[in-house]
Amino acid sequence: MYLYHRIEELVAANTDSRRAIGSFVLSEAEHLSDFTIADIAQATFTSKASCTRFAQSLGYDGWRPFIKDFIAEQLYQEKHPAFVDANFPFDAEANEEQVIEAIADLTADAVSDTARLINRGLLARAAKLLADARRVRVFALSPNSYMGGLFCRKLLSIGIDAMEAVPSELGVIARSLGELDCAVIISYSGNNPESDPMRQVPILLANKVPIVAIAGDGNNYLRKCANATLTISSRESLYSKIGTLASEASVNYLLDVLFGCVFARDYERNLEFKLIGGRQLESERSQA
């Protein structure tokens, strides 16, 4: 989760000076370097001390380190611009052809940005954890759970015991896992340790279960706890958008890359297993 998104959460959850300061920061994100802390305090009818407390609520010691990271984040977005707005890829006047082009551009943007964010060392570690696991269980809520289910099906096709953890049984499933297993947790924000699926992390850690995380960028709770984290492209706003189109494309791409890397670790065996299984399934279908 980008710092921008954490500020969005802070604005939505508060009605005090944090909302006023956060709203100003978001509205002036592209020009924030033009403002001093005194300027922002005056514009938001708060104080410099309130601005400092705002930064501290985001985990910073003070205003300067917060501003440094926020501006660096904005510079990254400027350096890697998107072809289409991830929140509103088309407008009310768009025809079918324009929607086709917009969704194609959005998907290409999401995949390109996601590929740029992949840490190759962590990807290799995640693939090894999955390939060596006795059992793989995917922890996610909708809509990520649907993509997690497809990922499990791919792993099953090469003989890996993989299942999506049923949302109502996350706690029971987490407690059943051990250090020979692997948990995959998918969360756009990666925060909210009191809510699922992050609520299961302490149980998994206590049982020494290796954790592979698929999460947004930034210093979030899930990233701190996982053995390996792959980063979701986070160009979407948390609240103001027509749908989670870009983040879904990013998650799907990461899971496909992860499956591909697991497959490649023992390519010949996995290919043989998949082809034999495919022929058996087709034979059963033709006889039905």
C-alpha atoms as a PDB file:
ATOM      1  CA  MET A   1       0.000   0.000   0.000  1.00  0.00           C
ATOM      2  CA  TYR A   2       1.421   3.329  -1.046  1.00  0.00           C
ATOM      3  CA  LEU A   3       1.707   6.202   1.408  1.00  0.00           C
ATOM      4  CA  TYR A   4      -0.974   7.962  -0.669  1.00  0.00           C
ATOM      5  CA  HIS A   5      -3.408   5.150   0.157  1.00  0.00           C
ATOM      6  CA  ARG A   6      -2.537   5.155   3.851  1.00  0.00           C
ATOM      7  CA  ILE A   7      -3.415   8.854   3.904  1.00  0.00           C
ATOM      8  CA  GLU A   8      -6.714   8.051   2.190  1.00  0.00           C
ATOM      9  CA  GLU A   9      -7.460   5.580   4.985  1.00  0.00           C
ATOM     10  CA  LEU A  10      -6.513   8.152   7.620  1.00  0.00           C
ATOM     11  CA  VAL A  11      -8.783  10.788   6.062  1.00  0.00           C
ATOM     12  CA  ALA A  12     -11.715   8.363   5.883  1.00  0.00           C
ATOM     13  CA  ALA A  13     -11.300   7.179   9.477  1.00  0.00           C
ATOM     14  CA  ASN A  14     -10.973  10.575  11.221  1.00  0.00           C
ATOM     15  CA  THR A  15     -12.866  13.847  11.619  1.00  0.00           C
ATOM     16  CA  ASP A  16     -10.189  15.913  13.385  1.00  0.00           C
ATOM     17  CA  SER A  17      -7.136  17.795  12.116  1.00  0.00           C
ATOM     18  CA  ARG A  18      -5.823  14.610  10.477  1.00  0.00           C
ATOM     19  CA  ARG A  19      -8.681  14.726   7.988  1.00  0.00           C
ATOM     20  CA  ALA A  20      -8.019  18.383   7.127  1.00  0.00           C
ATOM     21  CA  ILE A  21      -4.273  17.897   6.714  1.00  0.00           C
ATOM     22  CA  GLY A  22      -4.650  14.597   4.866  1.00  0.00           C
ATOM     23  CA  SER A  23      -7.223  16.055   2.471  1.00  0.00           C
ATOM     24  CA  PHE A  24      -4.881  18.950   1.690  1.00  0.00           C
ATOM     25  CA  VAL A  25      -1.932  16.606   1.110  1.00  0.00           C
ATOM     26  CA  LEU A  26      -3.979  14.471  -1.285  1.00  0.00           C
ATOM     27  CA  SER A  27      -5.431  17.423  -3.203  1.00  0.00           C
ATOM     28  CA  GLU A  28      -2.006  19.064  -3.585  1.00  0.00           C
ATOM     29  CA  ALA A  29      -0.025  15.840  -4.038  1.00  0.00           C
ATOM     30  CA  GLU A  30       1.658  16.930  -7.275  1.00  0.00           C
ATOM     31  CA  HIS A  31       2.743  20.290  -5.827  1.00  0.00           C
ATOM     32  CA  LEU A  32       3.327  19.463  -2.163  1.00  0.00           C
ATOM     33  CA  SER A  33       7.007  20.348  -2.367  1.00  0.00           C
ATOM     34  CA  ASP A  34       5.937  23.979  -2.923  1.00  0.00           C
ATOM     35  CA  PHE A  35       4.471  24.194   0.593  1.00  0.00           C
ATOM     36  CA  THR A  36       6.210  24.552   3.945  1.00  0.00           C
ATOM     37  CA  ILE A  37       4.772  23.034   7.084  1.00  0.00           C
ATOM     38  CA  ALA A  38       3.666  26.542   8.092  1.00  0.00           C
ATOM     39  CA  ASP A  39       1.862  26.956   4.756  1.00  0.00           C
ATOM     40  CA  ILE A  40      -0.030  23.713   5.250  1.00  0.00           C
ATOM     41  CA  ALA A  41      -0.929  24.529   8.841  1.00  0.00           C
ATOM     42  CA  GLN A  42      -2.324  27.884   7.734  1.00  0.00           C
ATOM     43  CA  ALA A  43      -4.226  26.420   4.761  1.00  0.00           C
ATOM     44  CA  THR A  44      -5.852  23.727   6.916  1.00  0.00           C
ATOM     45  CA  PHE A  45      -6.568  25.980   9.943  1.00  0.00           C
ATOM     46  CA  THR A  46      -4.424  23.716  12.119  1.00  0.00           C
ATOM     47  CA  SER A  47      -0.887  24.110  13.509  1.00  0.00           C
ATOM     48  CA  LYS A  48       2.627  22.924  12.808  1.00  0.00           C
ATOM     49  CA  ALA A  49       2.320  20.629  15.826  1.00  0.00           C
ATOM     50  CA  SER A  50      -0.809  19.088  14.258  1.00  0.00           C
ATOM     51  CA  CYS A  51       1.117  18.474  11.036  1.00  0.00           C
ATOM     52  CA  THR A  52       3.870  16.758  13.008  1.00  0.00           C
ATOM     53  CA  ARG A  53       1.309  14.559  14.792  1.00  0.00           C
ATOM     54  CA  PHE A  54      -0.227  13.747  11.397  1.00  0.00           C
ATOM     55  CA  ALA A  55       3.149  12.472  10.177  1.00  0.00           C
ATOM     56  CA  GLN A  56       3.648  10.523  13.409  1.00  0.00           C
ATOM     57  CA  SER A  57       0.276   8.811  12.967  1.00  0.00           C
ATOM     58  CA  LEU A  58       1.703   7.405   9.716  1.00  0.00           C
ATOM     59  CA  GLY A  59       4.759   6.035  11.516  1.00  0.00           C
ATOM     60  CA  TYR A  60       7.213   8.908  10.953  1.00  0.00           C
ATOM     61  CA  ASP A  61       9.278  10.742  13.547  1.00  0.00           C
ATOM     62  CA  GLY A  62       8.295  14.100  12.107  1.00  0.00           C
ATOM     63  CA  TRP A  63       7.068  16.087   9.134  1.00  0.00           C
ATOM     64  CA  ARG A  64      10.318  16.182   7.124  1.00  0.00           C
ATOM     65  CA  PRO A  65      10.828  12.420   6.728  1.00  0.00           C
ATOM     66  CA  PHE A  66       7.145  12.058   5.850  1.00  0.00           C
ATOM     67  CA  ILE A  67       7.345  14.727   3.146  1.00  0.00           C
ATOM     68  CA  LYS A  68      10.550  13.201   1.775  1.00  0.00           C
ATOM     69  CA  ASP A  69       8.901   9.791   1.301  1.00  0.00           C
ATOM     70  CA  PHE A  70       5.660  11.244  -0.037  1.00  0.00           C
ATOM     71  CA  ILE A  71       7.433  13.362  -2.658  1.00  0.00           C
ATOM     72  CA  ALA A  72       9.624  10.393  -3.653  1.00  0.00           C
ATOM     73  CA  GLU A  73       6.459   8.359  -4.184  1.00  0.00           C
ATOM     74  CA  GLN A  74       4.977  11.082  -6.385  1.00  0.00           C
ATOM     75  CA  LEU A  75       8.193  11.308  -8.403  1.00  0.00           C
ATOM     76  CA  TYR A  76       8.025   7.559  -9.061  1.00  0.00           C
ATOM     77  CA  GLN A  77       4.497   7.964 -10.425  1.00  0.00           C
ATOM     78  CA  GLU A  78       5.658  10.811 -12.652  1.00  0.00           C
ATOM     79  CA  LYS A  79       8.641   8.811 -13.892  1.00  0.00           C
ATOM     80  CA  HIS A  80       6.410   5.843 -14.751  1.00  0.00           C
ATOM     81  CA  PRO A  81       3.180   7.416 -16.036  1.00  0.00           C
ATOM     82  CA  ALA A  82       0.158   5.288 -16.921  1.00  0.00           C
ATOM     83  CA  PHE A  83      -1.543   5.381 -20.305  1.00  0.00           C
ATOM     84  CA  VAL A  84      -4.968   5.396 -18.677  1.00  0.00           C
ATOM     85  CA  ASP A  85      -6.445   6.435 -15.322  1.00  0.00           C
ATOM     86  CA  ALA A  86      -6.666   3.254 -13.210  1.00  0.00           C
ATOM     87  CA  ASN A  87      -9.657   4.660 -11.293  1.00  0.00           C
ATOM     88  CA  PHE A  88     -11.708   5.897 -14.250  1.00  0.00           C
ATOM     89  CA  PRO A  89     -10.349   4.297 -17.445  1.00  0.00           C
ATOM     90  CA  PHE A  90     -13.353   5.487 -19.452  1.00  0.00           C
ATOM     91  CA  ASP A  91     -16.103   8.074 -18.995  1.00  0.00           C
ATOM     92  CA  ALA A  92     -19.870   8.238 -19.482  1.00  0.00           C
ATOM     93  CA  GLU A  93     -19.496   9.087 -23.177  1.00  0.00           C
ATOM     94  CA  ALA A  94     -17.306   6.090 -24.042  1.00  0.00           C
ATOM     95  CA  ASN A  95     -18.495   3.720 -26.762  1.00  0.00           C
ATOM     96  CA  GLU A  96     -17.668   0.022 -27.017  1.00  0.00           C
ATOM     97  CA  GLU A  97     -14.472   0.587 -29.011  1.00  0.00           C
ATOM     98  CA  GLN A  98     -13.189   3.126 -26.479  1.00  0.00           C
ATOM     99  CA  VAL A  99     -13.937   0.756 -23.582  1.00  0.00           C
ATOM    100  CA  ILE A 100     -12.041  -2.036 -25.364  1.00  0.00           C
ATOM    101  CA  GLU A 101      -8.983   0.178 -25.796  1.00  0.00           C
ATOM    102  CA  ALA A 102      -9.191   1.597 -22.278  1.00  0.00           C
ATOM    103  CA  ILE A 103      -9.327  -1.813 -20.583  1.00  0.00           C
ATOM    104  CA  ALA A 104      -6.482  -3.089 -22.777  1.00  0.00           C
ATOM    105  CA  ASP A 105      -4.337  -0.067 -21.850  1.00  0.00           C
ATOM    106  CA  LEU A 106      -5.254  -0.377 -18.166  1.00  0.00           C
ATOM    107  CA  THR A 107      -4.298  -4.061 -18.098  1.00  0.00           C
ATOM    108  CA  ALA A 108      -1.027  -3.392 -19.906  1.00  0.00           C
ATOM    109  CA  ASP A 109      -0.234  -0.559 -17.467  1.00  0.00           C
ATOM    110  CA  ALA A 110      -0.945  -2.746 -14.438  1.00  0.00           C
ATOM    111  CA  VAL A 111       1.157  -5.650 -15.715  1.00  0.00           C
ATOM    112  CA  SER A 112       4.053  -3.402 -16.746  1.00  0.00           C
ATOM    113  CA  ASP A 113       4.105  -1.597 -13.402  1.00  0.00           C
ATOM    114  CA  THR A 114       3.837  -4.892 -11.500  1.00  0.00           C
ATOM    115  CA  ALA A 115       6.759  -6.410 -13.430  1.00  0.00           C
ATOM    116  CA  ARG A 116       8.852  -3.350 -12.609  1.00  0.00           C
ATOM    117  CA  LEU A 117       8.124  -3.814  -8.891  1.00  0.00           C
ATOM    118  CA  ILE A 118       9.056  -7.506  -8.678  1.00  0.00           C
ATOM    119  CA  ASN A 119      12.066  -8.267  -6.497  1.00  0.00           C
ATOM    120  CA  ARG A 120      13.720 -11.209  -8.268  1.00  0.00           C
ATOM    121  CA  GLY A 121      15.312 -12.556  -5.112  1.00  0.00           C
ATOM    122  CA  LEU A 122      12.021 -12.576  -3.215  1.00  0.00           C
ATOM    123  CA  LEU A 123      10.263 -14.159  -6.193  1.00  0.00           C
ATOM    124  CA  ALA A 124      12.789 -17.017  -6.210  1.00  0.00           C
ATOM    125  CA  ARG A 125      12.349 -17.451  -2.449  1.00  0.00           C
ATOM    126  CA  ALA A 126       8.554 -17.517  -2.763  1.00  0.00           C
ATOM    127  CA  ALA A 127       8.704 -20.104  -5.562  1.00  0.00           C
ATOM    128  CA  LYS A 128      10.983 -22.342  -3.494  1.00  0.00           C
ATOM    129  CA  LEU A 129       8.705 -22.126  -0.457  1.00  0.00           C
ATOM    130  CA  LEU A 130       5.738 -23.202  -2.573  1.00  0.00           C
ATOM    131  CA  ALA A 131       7.605 -25.946  -4.438  1.00  0.00           C
ATOM    132  CA  ASP A 132       8.944 -27.441  -1.182  1.00  0.00           C
ATOM    133  CA  ALA A 133       5.677 -27.172   0.782  1.00  0.00           C
ATOM    134  CA  ARG A 134       3.734 -30.213   1.935  1.00  0.00           C
ATOM    135  CA  ARG A 135       0.523 -28.202   1.635  1.00  0.00           C
ATOM    136  CA  VAL A 136      -0.265 -24.732   0.286  1.00  0.00           C
ATOM    137  CA  ARG A 137      -3.241 -22.772   1.600  1.00  0.00           C
ATOM    138  CA  VAL A 138      -4.317 -19.409   0.192  1.00  0.00           C
ATOM    139  CA  PHE A 139      -5.830 -16.835   2.566  1.00  0.00           C
ATOM    140  CA  ALA A 140      -7.789 -14.038   0.895  1.00  0.00           C
ATOM    141  CA  LEU A 141     -11.131 -12.277   0.875  1.00  0.00           C
ATOM    142  CA  SER A 142     -13.261 -11.437  -2.158  1.00  0.00           C
ATOM    143  CA  PRO A 143     -12.352 -10.578  -4.899  1.00  0.00           C
ATOM    144  CA  ASN A 144      -8.809 -11.834  -4.242  1.00  0.00           C
ATOM    145  CA  SER A 145     -10.171 -15.211  -3.151  1.00  0.00           C
ATOM    146  CA  TYR A 146     -11.425 -15.897  -6.699  1.00  0.00           C
ATOM    147  CA  MET A 147      -7.960 -15.338  -8.132  1.00  0.00           C
ATOM    148  CA  GLY A 148      -6.464 -17.388  -5.303  1.00  0.00           C
ATOM    149  CA  GLY A 149      -8.754 -20.263  -6.256  1.00  0.00           C
ATOM    150  CA  LEU A 150      -7.488 -20.202  -9.847  1.00  0.00           C
ATOM    151  CA  PHE A 151      -3.907 -20.190  -8.550  1.00  0.00           C
ATOM    152  CA  CYS A 152      -4.628 -23.264  -6.427  1.00  0.00           C
ATOM    153  CA  ARG A 153      -6.082 -25.040  -9.455  1.00  0.00           C
ATOM    154  CA  LYS A 154      -2.859 -24.399 -11.392  1.00  0.00           C
ATOM    155  CA  LEU A 155      -0.764 -25.774  -8.520  1.00  0.00           C
ATOM    156  CA  LEU A 156      -2.995 -28.838  -8.262  1.00  0.00           C
ATOM    157  CA  SER A 157      -2.431 -29.473 -11.975  1.00  0.00           C
ATOM    158  CA  ILE A 158       1.275 -30.126 -11.228  1.00  0.00           C
ATOM    159  CA  GLY A 159       0.657 -32.205  -8.119  1.00  0.00           C
ATOM    160  CA  ILE A 160       0.978 -29.587  -5.362  1.00  0.00           C
ATOM    161  CA  ASP A 161      -1.606 -29.904  -2.592  1.00  0.00           C
ATOM    162  CA  ALA A 162      -3.105 -26.409  -2.778  1.00  0.00           C
ATOM    163  CA  MET A 163      -6.477 -25.144  -1.574  1.00  0.00           C
ATOM    164  CA  GLU A 164      -8.150 -21.808  -0.994  1.00  0.00           C
ATOM    165  CA  ALA A 165      -8.962 -21.333   2.688  1.00  0.00           C
ATOM    166  CA  VAL A 166     -12.719 -20.903   3.083  1.00  0.00           C
ATOM    167  CA  PRO A 167     -13.372 -17.420   4.580  1.00  0.00           C
ATOM    168  CA  SER A 168     -15.509 -18.830   7.409  1.00  0.00           C
ATOM    169  CA  GLU A 169     -12.786 -21.336   8.338  1.00  0.00           C
ATOM    170  CA  LEU A 170      -9.633 -19.206   8.133  1.00  0.00           C
ATOM    171  CA  GLY A 171      -8.795 -19.647  11.823  1.00  0.00           C
ATOM    172  CA  VAL A 172      -9.226 -23.429  11.805  1.00  0.00           C
ATOM    173  CA  ILE A 173      -7.159 -23.795   8.649  1.00  0.00           C
ATOM    174  CA  ALA A 174      -4.396 -21.505   9.954  1.00  0.00           C
ATOM    175  CA  ARG A 175      -4.118 -23.602  13.113  1.00  0.00           C
ATOM    176  CA  SER A 176      -3.851 -26.822  11.076  1.00  0.00           C
ATOM    177  CA  LEU A 177      -0.705 -25.684   9.245  1.00  0.00           C
ATOM    178  CA  GLY A 178       2.887 -26.252  10.316  1.00  0.00           C
ATOM    179  CA  GLU A 179       6.438 -25.427   9.323  1.00  0.00           C
ATOM    180  CA  LEU A 180       6.371 -27.897   6.403  1.00  0.00           C
ATOM    181  CA  ASP A 181       3.432 -26.078   4.829  1.00  0.00           C
ATOM    182  CA  CYS A 182       3.113 -22.651   3.191  1.00  0.00           C
ATOM    183  CA  ALA A 183       0.491 -19.929   3.516  1.00  0.00           C
ATOM    184  CA  VAL A 184      -0.148 -17.477   0.681  1.00  0.00           C
ATOM    185  CA  ILE A 185      -1.880 -14.301   1.864  1.00  0.00           C
ATOM    186  CA  ILE A 186      -3.339 -11.855  -0.655  1.00  0.00           C
ATOM    187  CA  SER A 187      -4.247  -8.356   0.542  1.00  0.00           C
ATOM    188  CA  TYR A 188      -4.193  -5.056  -1.351  1.00  0.00           C
ATOM    189  CA  SER A 189      -3.584  -2.980   1.793  1.00  0.00           C
ATOM    190  CA  GLY A 190      -1.606  -5.494   3.844  1.00  0.00           C
ATOM    191  CA  ASN A 191      -2.701  -3.635   6.971  1.00  0.00           C
ATOM    192  CA  ASN A 192      -5.510  -4.053   9.542  1.00  0.00           C
ATOM    193  CA  PRO A 193      -4.047  -6.853  11.713  1.00  0.00           C
ATOM    194  CA  GLU A 194      -7.407  -7.115  13.519  1.00  0.00           C
ATOM    195  CA  SER A 195      -9.189  -8.149  10.303  1.00  0.00           C
ATOM    196  CA  ASP A 196      -8.947 -11.207   8.066  1.00  0.00           C
ATOM    197  CA  PRO A 197      -6.843 -12.431   6.446  1.00  0.00           C
ATOM    198  CA  MET A 198      -4.120 -10.577   8.450  1.00  0.00           C
ATOM    199  CA  ARG A 199      -5.769 -11.694  11.694  1.00  0.00           C
ATOM    200  CA  GLN A 200      -4.409 -15.186  11.024  1.00  0.00           C
ATOM    201  CA  VAL A 201      -0.782 -14.026  10.740  1.00  0.00           C
ATOM    202  CA  PRO A 202       0.069 -14.402  14.477  1.00  0.00           C
ATOM    203  CA  ILE A 203      -1.244 -17.983  14.395  1.00  0.00           C
ATOM    204  CA  LEU A 204       0.821 -18.784  11.323  1.00  0.00           C
ATOM    205  CA  LEU A 205       3.920 -17.224  12.851  1.00  0.00           C
ATOM    206  CA  ALA A 206       3.427 -19.138  16.108  1.00  0.00           C
ATOM    207  CA  ASN A 207       3.217 -22.384  14.102  1.00  0.00           C
ATOM    208  CA  LYS A 208       6.340 -21.371  12.101  1.00  0.00           C
ATOM    209  CA  VAL A 209       4.402 -21.515   8.831  1.00  0.00           C
ATOM    210  CA  PRO A 210       6.286 -19.862   5.937  1.00  0.00           C
ATOM    211  CA  ILE A 211       4.254 -16.960   4.526  1.00  0.00           C
ATOM    212  CA  VAL A 212       4.248 -15.732   0.939  1.00  0.00           C
ATOM    213  CA  ALA A 213       2.473 -12.382   0.684  1.00  0.00           C
ATOM    214  CA  ILE A 214       0.886 -10.641  -2.276  1.00  0.00           C
ATOM    215  CA  ALA A 215       0.408  -7.072  -1.049  1.00  0.00           C
ATOM    216  CA  GLY A 216       0.486  -3.417  -1.963  1.00  0.00           C
ATOM    217  CA  ASP A 217       3.680  -1.401  -1.803  1.00  0.00           C
ATOM    218  CA  GLY A 218       4.796   0.448   1.300  1.00  0.00           C
ATOM    219  CA  ASN A 219       5.584  -0.365   4.904  1.00  0.00           C
ATOM    220  CA  ASN A 220       2.543  -2.485   5.756  1.00  0.00           C
ATOM    221  CA  TYR A 221       1.878  -5.097   8.442  1.00  0.00           C
ATOM    222  CA  LEU A 222       1.790  -8.107   6.113  1.00  0.00           C
ATOM    223  CA  ARG A 223       5.081  -7.204   4.441  1.00  0.00           C
ATOM    224  CA  LYS A 224       6.812  -7.069   7.846  1.00  0.00           C
ATOM    225  CA  CYS A 225       5.650 -10.582   8.741  1.00  0.00           C
ATOM    226  CA  ALA A 226       6.021 -12.494   5.468  1.00  0.00           C
ATOM    227  CA  ASN A 227       9.027 -14.545   4.380  1.00  0.00           C
ATOM    228  CA  ALA A 228       8.645 -13.199   0.834  1.00  0.00           C
ATOM    229  CA  THR A 229       6.391 -10.480  -0.547  1.00  0.00           C
ATOM    230  CA  LEU A 230       5.419  -9.731  -4.135  1.00  0.00           C
ATOM    231  CA  THR A 231       4.101  -6.227  -4.729  1.00  0.00           C
ATOM    232  CA  ILE A 232       0.734  -5.349  -6.249  1.00  0.00           C
ATOM    233  CA  SER A 233       0.695  -2.321  -8.524  1.00  0.00           C
ATOM    234  CA  SER A 234      -1.124   0.290  -6.434  1.00  0.00           C
ATOM    235  CA  ARG A 235      -2.220   3.036  -8.814  1.00  0.00           C
ATOM    236  CA  GLU A 236      -5.875   2.772  -7.780  1.00  0.00           C
ATOM    237  CA  SER A 237      -7.526   4.966  -5.193  1.00  0.00           C
ATOM    238  CA  LEU A 238      -8.907   3.026  -2.248  1.00  0.00           C
ATOM    239  CA  TYR A 239     -12.392   4.497  -2.553  1.00  0.00           C
ATOM    240  CA  SER A 240     -12.905   6.622  -5.682  1.00  0.00           C
ATOM    241  CA  LYS A 241     -12.949   4.272  -8.695  1.00  0.00           C
ATOM    242  CA  ILE A 242     -15.285   2.292 -10.926  1.00  0.00           C
ATOM    243  CA  GLY A 243     -13.793  -1.029  -9.831  1.00  0.00           C
ATOM    244  CA  THR A 244     -10.675  -2.955  -8.857  1.00  0.00           C
ATOM    245  CA  LEU A 245      -9.737  -3.598 -12.481  1.00  0.00           C
ATOM    246  CA  ALA A 246      -6.049  -2.634 -12.270  1.00  0.00           C
ATOM    247  CA  SER A 247      -5.318  -4.340  -8.947  1.00  0.00           C
ATOM    248  CA  GLU A 248      -7.042  -7.544 -10.127  1.00  0.00           C
ATOM    249  CA  ALA A 249      -4.893  -7.547 -13.268  1.00  0.00           C
ATOM    250  CA  SER A 250      -1.820  -7.042 -11.073  1.00  0.00           C
ATOM    251  CA  VAL A 251      -2.705  -9.859  -8.651  1.00  0.00           C
ATOM    252  CA  ASN A 252      -3.508 -12.258 -11.494  1.00  0.00           C
ATOM    253  CA  TYR A 253      -0.197 -11.464 -13.158  1.00  0.00           C
ATOM    254  CA  LEU A 254       1.778 -11.996  -9.923  1.00  0.00           C
ATOM    255  CA  LEU A 255       0.092 -15.335  -9.269  1.00  0.00           C
ATOM    256  CA  ASP A 256       0.744 -16.454 -12.846  1.00  0.00           C
ATOM    257  CA  VAL A 257       4.407 -15.412 -12.567  1.00  0.00           C
ATOM    258  CA  LEU A 258       4.683 -17.248  -9.261  1.00  0.00           C
ATOM    259  CA  PHE A 259       3.112 -20.379 -10.752  1.00  0.00           C
ATOM    260  CA  GLY A 260       5.451 -20.132 -13.736  1.00  0.00           C
ATOM    261  CA  CYS A 261       8.496 -19.949 -11.463  1.00  0.00           C
ATOM    262  CA  VAL A 262       7.296 -22.953  -9.427  1.00  0.00           C
ATOM    263  CA  PHE A 263       6.721 -24.865 -12.684  1.00  0.00           C
ATOM    264  CA  ALA A 264      10.176 -23.954 -14.002  1.00  0.00           C
ATOM    265  CA  ARG A 265      11.942 -25.272 -10.884  1.00  0.00           C
ATOM    266  CA  ASP A 266      11.230 -28.847 -12.068  1.00  0.00           C
ATOM    267  CA  TYR A 267      10.060 -28.219 -15.600  1.00  0.00           C
ATOM    268  CA  GLU A 268      10.225 -31.733 -17.085  1.00  0.00           C
ATOM    269  CA  ARG A 269       8.514 -33.440 -14.142  1.00  0.00           C
ATOM    270  CA  ASN A 270       5.807 -30.786 -13.912  1.00  0.00           C
ATOM    271  CA  LEU A 271       5.162 -30.889 -17.649  1.00  0.00           C
ATOM    272  CA  GLU A 272       4.893 -34.673 -17.639  1.00  0.00           C
ATOM    273  CA  PHE A 273       2.568 -34.611 -14.610  1.00  0.00           C
ATOM    274  CA  LYS A 274       0.349 -31.996 -16.232  1.00  0.00           C
ATOM    275  CA  LEU A 275       0.195 -33.704 -19.629  1.00  0.00           C
ATOM    276  CA  ILE A 276      -0.623 -37.112 -18.144  1.00  0.00           C
ATOM    277  CA  GLY A 277      -3.286 -35.567 -15.944  1.00  0.00           C
ATOM    278  CA  GLY A 278      -4.714 -33.622 -18.871  1.00  0.00           C
ATOM    279  CA  ARG A 279      -4.995 -36.745 -21.018  1.00  0.00           C
ATOM    280  CA  GLN A 280      -6.712 -38.652 -18.204  1.00  0.00           C
ATOM    281  CA  LEU A 281      -9.223 -35.858 -17.648  1.00  0.00           C
ATOM    282  CA  GLU A 282     -10.028 -35.622 -21.357  1.00  0.00           C
ATOM    283  CA  SER A 283     -10.509 -39.386 -21.500  1.00  0.00           C
ATOM    284  CA  GLU A 284     -12.907 -39.271 -18.555  1.00  0.00           C
ATOM    285  CA  ARG A 285     -14.866 -36.416 -20.155  1.00  0.00           C
ATOM    286  CA  SER A 286     -15.181 -38.227 -23.482  1.00  0.00           C
ATOM    287  CA  GLN A 287     -16.495 -41.328 -21.724  1.00  0.00           C
ATOM    288  CA  ALA A 288     -19.068 -39.417 -19.653  1.00  0.00           C
END
